[in-house]
């Protein structure tokens, strides 16, 4: 298992649907990655300098995030980049701790 430092461009008009999928528990039920993905996306941050969502995600796939991309991520994000394929989870979250929540950004949009 590894933790991936992820950056991705949100597809703005699809984020409300992603929020609903997270809130309903649909993603959490996906095996084997749902619980980890739900935690990571709930805690995702928004980088105002790049317009990207950033998060740290537990991953078991080769290539990285393969199942997650097919099931969820590619529907809601473009330009998904693994910045660091094996980051310490705590250190990764500390790197983005000062950024605003992705969901605050989404809720603030008119």
N, C-alpha and C. Protein backbone atom coordinates (compact mmCIF):
# COMPACT_ATOMS: atom_id res chain seq x y z
N UNK A 1 0.83 -1.18 0.00
CA UNK A 1 0.00 0.00 0.00
C UNK A 1 0.88 1.24 0.00
N UNK A 2 0.41 2.25 -0.69
CA UNK A 2 1.11 3.53 -0.75
C UNK A 2 0.09 4.65 -0.60
N UNK A 3 0.59 5.80 -0.24
CA UNK A 3 -0.24 7.00 -0.23
C UNK A 3 0.25 7.87 -1.37
N UNK A 4 -0.69 8.34 -2.18
CA UNK A 4 -0.38 9.16 -3.34
C UNK A 4 -0.77 10.61 -3.07
N UNK A 5 0.11 11.53 -3.44
CA UNK A 5 -0.19 12.95 -3.40
C UNK A 5 -0.77 13.29 -4.77
N UNK A 6 -2.03 13.70 -4.80
CA UNK A 6 -2.78 13.85 -6.05
C UNK A 6 -3.16 15.31 -6.27
N UNK A 7 -3.04 15.74 -7.53
CA UNK A 7 -3.56 17.03 -7.99
C UNK A 7 -4.47 16.74 -9.17
N UNK A 8 -5.60 17.45 -9.24
CA UNK A 8 -6.52 17.23 -10.35
C UNK A 8 -7.36 18.48 -10.57
N UNK A 9 -7.72 18.69 -11.82
CA UNK A 9 -8.55 19.84 -12.18
C UNK A 9 -10.02 19.43 -12.02
N UNK A 10 -10.74 20.06 -11.08
CA UNK A 10 -12.16 19.71 -10.91
C UNK A 10 -12.97 20.06 -12.15
N UNK A 11 -13.89 19.19 -12.50
CA UNK A 11 -14.89 19.50 -13.53
C UNK A 11 -16.04 20.15 -12.75
N UNK A 12 -16.05 21.46 -12.78
CA UNK A 12 -16.90 22.25 -11.88
C UNK A 12 -18.36 21.82 -11.89
N UNK A 13 -18.91 21.59 -13.06
CA UNK A 13 -20.34 21.24 -13.11
C UNK A 13 -20.62 19.79 -12.71
N UNK A 14 -19.59 19.03 -12.31
CA UNK A 14 -19.77 17.65 -11.86
C UNK A 14 -19.50 17.49 -10.36
N UNK A 15 -19.04 18.55 -9.70
CA UNK A 15 -18.68 18.41 -8.30
C UNK A 15 -19.88 18.27 -7.37
N UNK A 16 -21.00 18.89 -7.70
CA UNK A 16 -22.19 18.71 -6.86
C UNK A 16 -22.62 17.24 -6.87
N UNK A 17 -22.51 16.60 -8.02
CA UNK A 17 -22.83 15.17 -8.11
C UNK A 17 -21.85 14.34 -7.26
N UNK A 18 -20.57 14.69 -7.31
CA UNK A 18 -19.59 13.98 -6.50
C UNK A 18 -19.91 14.16 -5.02
N UNK A 19 -20.26 15.37 -4.62
CA UNK A 19 -20.63 15.61 -3.21
C UNK A 19 -21.80 14.73 -2.80
N UNK A 20 -22.80 14.61 -3.68
CA UNK A 20 -23.95 13.74 -3.40
C UNK A 20 -23.54 12.29 -3.28
N UNK A 21 -22.65 11.84 -4.15
CA UNK A 21 -22.18 10.45 -4.11
C UNK A 21 -21.41 10.17 -2.82
N UNK A 22 -20.62 11.13 -2.38
CA UNK A 22 -19.91 10.98 -1.11
C UNK A 22 -20.88 10.96 0.06
N UNK A 23 -21.80 11.92 0.08
CA UNK A 23 -22.75 12.03 1.19
C UNK A 23 -23.69 10.84 1.29
N UNK A 24 -24.04 10.25 0.17
CA UNK A 24 -24.97 9.11 0.18
C UNK A 24 -24.32 7.81 0.63
N UNK A 25 -22.98 7.77 0.65
CA UNK A 25 -22.27 6.55 1.01
C UNK A 25 -21.98 5.65 -0.17
N UNK A 26 -22.41 6.06 -1.38
CA UNK A 26 -22.19 5.24 -2.57
C UNK A 26 -20.72 4.92 -2.77
N UNK A 27 -19.87 5.92 -2.65
CA UNK A 27 -18.43 5.70 -2.90
C UNK A 27 -17.82 4.89 -1.77
N UNK A 28 -18.21 5.14 -0.54
CA UNK A 28 -17.67 4.40 0.60
C UNK A 28 -17.91 2.89 0.46
N UNK A 29 -18.98 2.51 -0.21
CA UNK A 29 -19.31 1.09 -0.37
C UNK A 29 -18.50 0.39 -1.46
N UNK A 30 -17.78 1.15 -2.28
CA UNK A 30 -16.99 0.54 -3.36
C UNK A 30 -15.80 -0.20 -2.77
N UNK A 31 -15.62 -1.42 -3.20
CA UNK A 31 -14.52 -2.25 -2.70
C UNK A 31 -13.44 -2.36 -3.75
N UNK A 32 -12.19 -2.32 -3.39
CA UNK A 32 -11.64 -2.22 -2.03
C UNK A 32 -11.28 -0.80 -1.60
N UNK A 33 -11.55 0.19 -2.40
CA UNK A 33 -10.99 1.53 -2.17
C UNK A 33 -11.97 2.57 -1.63
N UNK A 34 -13.22 2.24 -1.49
CA UNK A 34 -14.25 3.24 -1.20
C UNK A 34 -14.07 4.03 0.07
N UNK A 35 -13.74 3.35 1.15
CA UNK A 35 -13.60 4.05 2.42
C UNK A 35 -12.44 5.05 2.37
N UNK A 36 -11.30 4.62 1.85
CA UNK A 36 -10.15 5.51 1.74
C UNK A 36 -10.40 6.68 0.81
N UNK A 37 -11.06 6.39 -0.32
CA UNK A 37 -11.36 7.46 -1.27
C UNK A 37 -12.33 8.47 -0.66
N UNK A 38 -13.32 8.00 0.06
CA UNK A 38 -14.29 8.89 0.69
C UNK A 38 -13.59 9.82 1.67
N UNK A 39 -12.74 9.27 2.50
CA UNK A 39 -12.00 10.09 3.46
C UNK A 39 -11.14 11.12 2.74
N UNK A 40 -10.40 10.67 1.73
CA UNK A 40 -9.50 11.57 1.00
C UNK A 40 -10.27 12.69 0.31
N UNK A 41 -11.36 12.36 -0.37
CA UNK A 41 -12.11 13.39 -1.09
C UNK A 41 -12.87 14.32 -0.15
N UNK A 42 -13.35 13.81 0.96
CA UNK A 42 -13.99 14.69 1.94
C UNK A 42 -13.00 15.72 2.48
N UNK A 43 -11.73 15.33 2.58
CA UNK A 43 -10.70 16.21 3.11
C UNK A 43 -9.93 16.97 2.03
N UNK A 44 -10.31 16.81 0.77
CA UNK A 44 -9.60 17.44 -0.35
C UNK A 44 -9.53 18.95 -0.17
N UNK A 45 -8.45 19.52 -0.66
CA UNK A 45 -8.22 20.96 -0.58
C UNK A 45 -8.28 21.58 -1.97
N UNK A 46 -8.39 22.89 -1.99
CA UNK A 46 -8.41 23.65 -3.24
C UNK A 46 -7.19 24.56 -3.27
N UNK A 47 -6.40 24.44 -4.33
CA UNK A 47 -5.22 25.29 -4.49
C UNK A 47 -5.60 26.47 -5.36
N UNK A 48 -5.79 27.65 -4.78
CA UNK A 48 -6.23 28.81 -5.57
C UNK A 48 -5.19 29.27 -6.58
N UNK A 49 -3.93 28.93 -6.38
CA UNK A 49 -2.89 29.33 -7.32
C UNK A 49 -2.98 28.55 -8.64
N UNK A 50 -3.46 27.32 -8.58
CA UNK A 50 -3.51 26.48 -9.78
C UNK A 50 -4.94 26.12 -10.20
N UNK A 51 -5.92 26.33 -9.31
CA UNK A 51 -7.29 25.94 -9.60
C UNK A 51 -7.51 24.44 -9.47
N UNK A 52 -6.58 23.76 -8.81
CA UNK A 52 -6.66 22.30 -8.70
C UNK A 52 -7.14 21.86 -7.33
N UNK A 53 -7.75 20.69 -7.32
CA UNK A 53 -8.03 19.99 -6.07
C UNK A 53 -6.77 19.21 -5.72
N UNK A 54 -6.47 19.10 -4.45
CA UNK A 54 -5.32 18.32 -4.00
C UNK A 54 -5.73 17.46 -2.81
N UNK A 55 -5.19 16.25 -2.77
CA UNK A 55 -5.49 15.35 -1.66
C UNK A 55 -4.44 14.24 -1.60
N UNK A 56 -4.49 13.50 -0.49
CA UNK A 56 -3.63 12.34 -0.28
C UNK A 56 -4.55 11.13 -0.24
N UNK A 57 -4.22 10.13 -1.07
CA UNK A 57 -5.12 8.98 -1.16
C UNK A 57 -4.37 7.67 -1.00
N UNK A 58 -4.92 6.81 -0.16
CA UNK A 58 -4.41 5.45 0.00
C UNK A 58 -4.69 4.69 -1.30
N UNK A 59 -3.70 3.93 -1.76
CA UNK A 59 -3.86 3.28 -3.05
C UNK A 59 -3.09 1.97 -3.10
N UNK A 60 -3.69 0.99 -3.75
CA UNK A 60 -3.08 -0.33 -3.91
C UNK A 60 -2.85 -0.67 -5.37
N UNK A 61 -3.17 0.22 -6.29
CA UNK A 61 -3.21 -0.08 -7.72
C UNK A 61 -1.89 0.14 -8.43
N UNK A 62 -1.72 -0.62 -9.50
CA UNK A 62 -0.68 -0.38 -10.49
C UNK A 62 -1.36 -0.48 -11.84
N UNK A 63 -1.37 0.60 -12.59
CA UNK A 63 -0.83 1.93 -12.28
C UNK A 63 -1.62 2.62 -11.17
N UNK A 64 -1.01 3.64 -10.56
CA UNK A 64 -1.66 4.33 -9.43
C UNK A 64 -3.07 4.82 -9.76
N UNK A 65 -3.96 4.60 -8.81
CA UNK A 65 -5.36 5.05 -8.84
C UNK A 65 -6.16 4.49 -10.02
N UNK A 66 -5.76 3.38 -10.58
CA UNK A 66 -6.44 2.83 -11.76
C UNK A 66 -7.92 2.55 -11.49
N UNK A 67 -8.23 1.84 -10.44
CA UNK A 67 -9.64 1.52 -10.13
C UNK A 67 -10.41 2.77 -9.75
N UNK A 68 -9.78 3.64 -8.98
CA UNK A 68 -10.43 4.85 -8.52
C UNK A 68 -10.76 5.78 -9.69
N UNK A 69 -9.84 5.86 -10.64
CA UNK A 69 -10.08 6.71 -11.82
C UNK A 69 -11.26 6.17 -12.62
N UNK A 70 -11.27 4.88 -12.86
CA UNK A 70 -12.34 4.29 -13.66
C UNK A 70 -13.70 4.44 -13.00
N UNK A 71 -13.76 4.23 -11.69
CA UNK A 71 -15.04 4.22 -10.98
C UNK A 71 -15.55 5.61 -10.61
N UNK A 72 -14.65 6.56 -10.36
CA UNK A 72 -15.09 7.85 -9.81
C UNK A 72 -14.32 9.04 -10.38
N UNK A 73 -13.01 9.03 -10.24
CA UNK A 73 -12.22 10.24 -10.46
C UNK A 73 -12.35 10.82 -11.86
N UNK A 74 -12.29 9.98 -12.89
CA UNK A 74 -12.34 10.50 -14.26
C UNK A 74 -13.69 11.14 -14.59
N UNK A 75 -14.73 10.83 -13.82
CA UNK A 75 -16.04 11.45 -14.03
C UNK A 75 -16.11 12.87 -13.47
N UNK A 76 -15.22 13.18 -12.53
CA UNK A 76 -15.33 14.44 -11.80
C UNK A 76 -14.10 15.34 -11.86
N UNK A 77 -13.00 14.78 -12.41
CA UNK A 77 -11.75 15.54 -12.47
C UNK A 77 -11.07 15.31 -13.81
N UNK A 78 -10.36 16.31 -14.28
CA UNK A 78 -9.50 16.18 -15.44
C UNK A 78 -8.06 16.41 -15.02
N UNK A 79 -7.14 16.12 -15.89
CA UNK A 79 -5.72 16.36 -15.64
C UNK A 79 -5.28 15.85 -14.27
N UNK A 80 -5.60 14.59 -13.99
CA UNK A 80 -5.22 13.98 -12.71
C UNK A 80 -3.73 13.66 -12.75
N UNK A 81 -3.01 14.16 -11.76
CA UNK A 81 -1.56 13.97 -11.69
C UNK A 81 -1.17 13.41 -10.33
N UNK A 82 -0.35 12.38 -10.35
CA UNK A 82 0.23 11.87 -9.11
C UNK A 82 1.53 12.66 -8.90
N UNK A 83 1.50 13.58 -7.97
CA UNK A 83 2.65 14.44 -7.69
C UNK A 83 3.75 13.63 -7.01
N UNK A 84 3.34 12.82 -6.05
CA UNK A 84 4.28 11.97 -5.32
C UNK A 84 3.62 10.61 -5.17
N UNK A 85 4.21 9.56 -5.77
CA UNK A 85 3.58 8.24 -5.76
C UNK A 85 3.68 7.49 -4.44
N UNK A 86 4.51 7.98 -3.51
CA UNK A 86 4.68 7.28 -2.24
C UNK A 86 5.02 8.30 -1.16
N UNK A 87 4.01 9.05 -0.75
CA UNK A 87 4.21 10.10 0.25
C UNK A 87 3.77 9.57 1.62
N UNK A 88 4.44 10.03 2.66
CA UNK A 88 3.97 9.75 4.01
C UNK A 88 2.62 10.45 4.19
N UNK A 89 1.62 9.72 4.64
CA UNK A 89 0.27 10.27 4.71
C UNK A 89 0.21 11.57 5.53
N UNK A 90 0.75 11.55 6.73
CA UNK A 90 0.69 12.74 7.58
C UNK A 90 1.46 13.91 6.97
N UNK A 91 2.64 13.63 6.45
CA UNK A 91 3.45 14.68 5.84
C UNK A 91 2.75 15.26 4.61
N UNK A 92 2.09 14.41 3.84
CA UNK A 92 1.37 14.89 2.67
C UNK A 92 0.25 15.83 3.05
N UNK A 93 -0.55 15.44 4.04
CA UNK A 93 -1.65 16.32 4.47
C UNK A 93 -1.10 17.62 5.05
N UNK A 94 0.02 17.55 5.75
CA UNK A 94 0.63 18.78 6.29
C UNK A 94 1.02 19.74 5.17
N UNK A 95 1.45 19.22 4.04
CA UNK A 95 1.85 20.06 2.90
C UNK A 95 0.69 20.90 2.37
N UNK A 96 -0.53 20.42 2.53
CA UNK A 96 -1.68 21.13 1.96
C UNK A 96 -2.64 21.65 3.03
N UNK A 97 -2.24 21.52 4.28
CA UNK A 97 -3.11 21.89 5.40
C UNK A 97 -3.58 23.33 5.35
N UNK A 98 -2.76 24.24 4.85
CA UNK A 98 -3.11 25.65 4.83
C UNK A 98 -4.05 26.05 3.70
N UNK A 99 -4.34 25.13 2.80
CA UNK A 99 -5.24 25.43 1.68
C UNK A 99 -6.70 25.29 2.11
N UNK A 100 -7.60 26.04 1.48
CA UNK A 100 -9.02 25.91 1.83
C UNK A 100 -9.58 24.57 1.37
N UNK A 101 -10.65 24.15 2.00
CA UNK A 101 -11.34 22.93 1.61
C UNK A 101 -11.88 23.06 0.19
N UNK A 102 -11.77 22.01 -0.58
CA UNK A 102 -12.38 22.00 -1.91
C UNK A 102 -13.88 22.26 -1.80
N UNK A 103 -14.50 21.74 -0.78
CA UNK A 103 -15.95 21.82 -0.65
C UNK A 103 -16.40 23.21 -0.23
N UNK A 104 -15.60 23.94 0.49
CA UNK A 104 -15.93 25.34 0.78
C UNK A 104 -15.91 26.14 -0.51
N UNK A 105 -14.96 25.84 -1.36
CA UNK A 105 -14.85 26.53 -2.66
C UNK A 105 -16.06 26.22 -3.52
N UNK A 106 -16.47 24.97 -3.54
CA UNK A 106 -17.62 24.57 -4.35
C UNK A 106 -18.89 25.22 -3.83
N UNK A 107 -19.08 25.21 -2.52
CA UNK A 107 -20.29 25.79 -1.93
C UNK A 107 -20.34 27.30 -2.11
N UNK A 108 -19.20 27.95 -2.22
CA UNK A 108 -19.16 29.41 -2.35
C UNK A 108 -19.46 29.87 -3.78
N UNK A 109 -19.42 28.97 -4.75
CA UNK A 109 -19.70 29.35 -6.14
C UNK A 109 -21.16 29.71 -6.30
N UNK A 110 -21.47 30.77 -7.09
CA UNK A 110 -22.86 31.16 -7.29
C UNK A 110 -23.61 30.13 -8.12
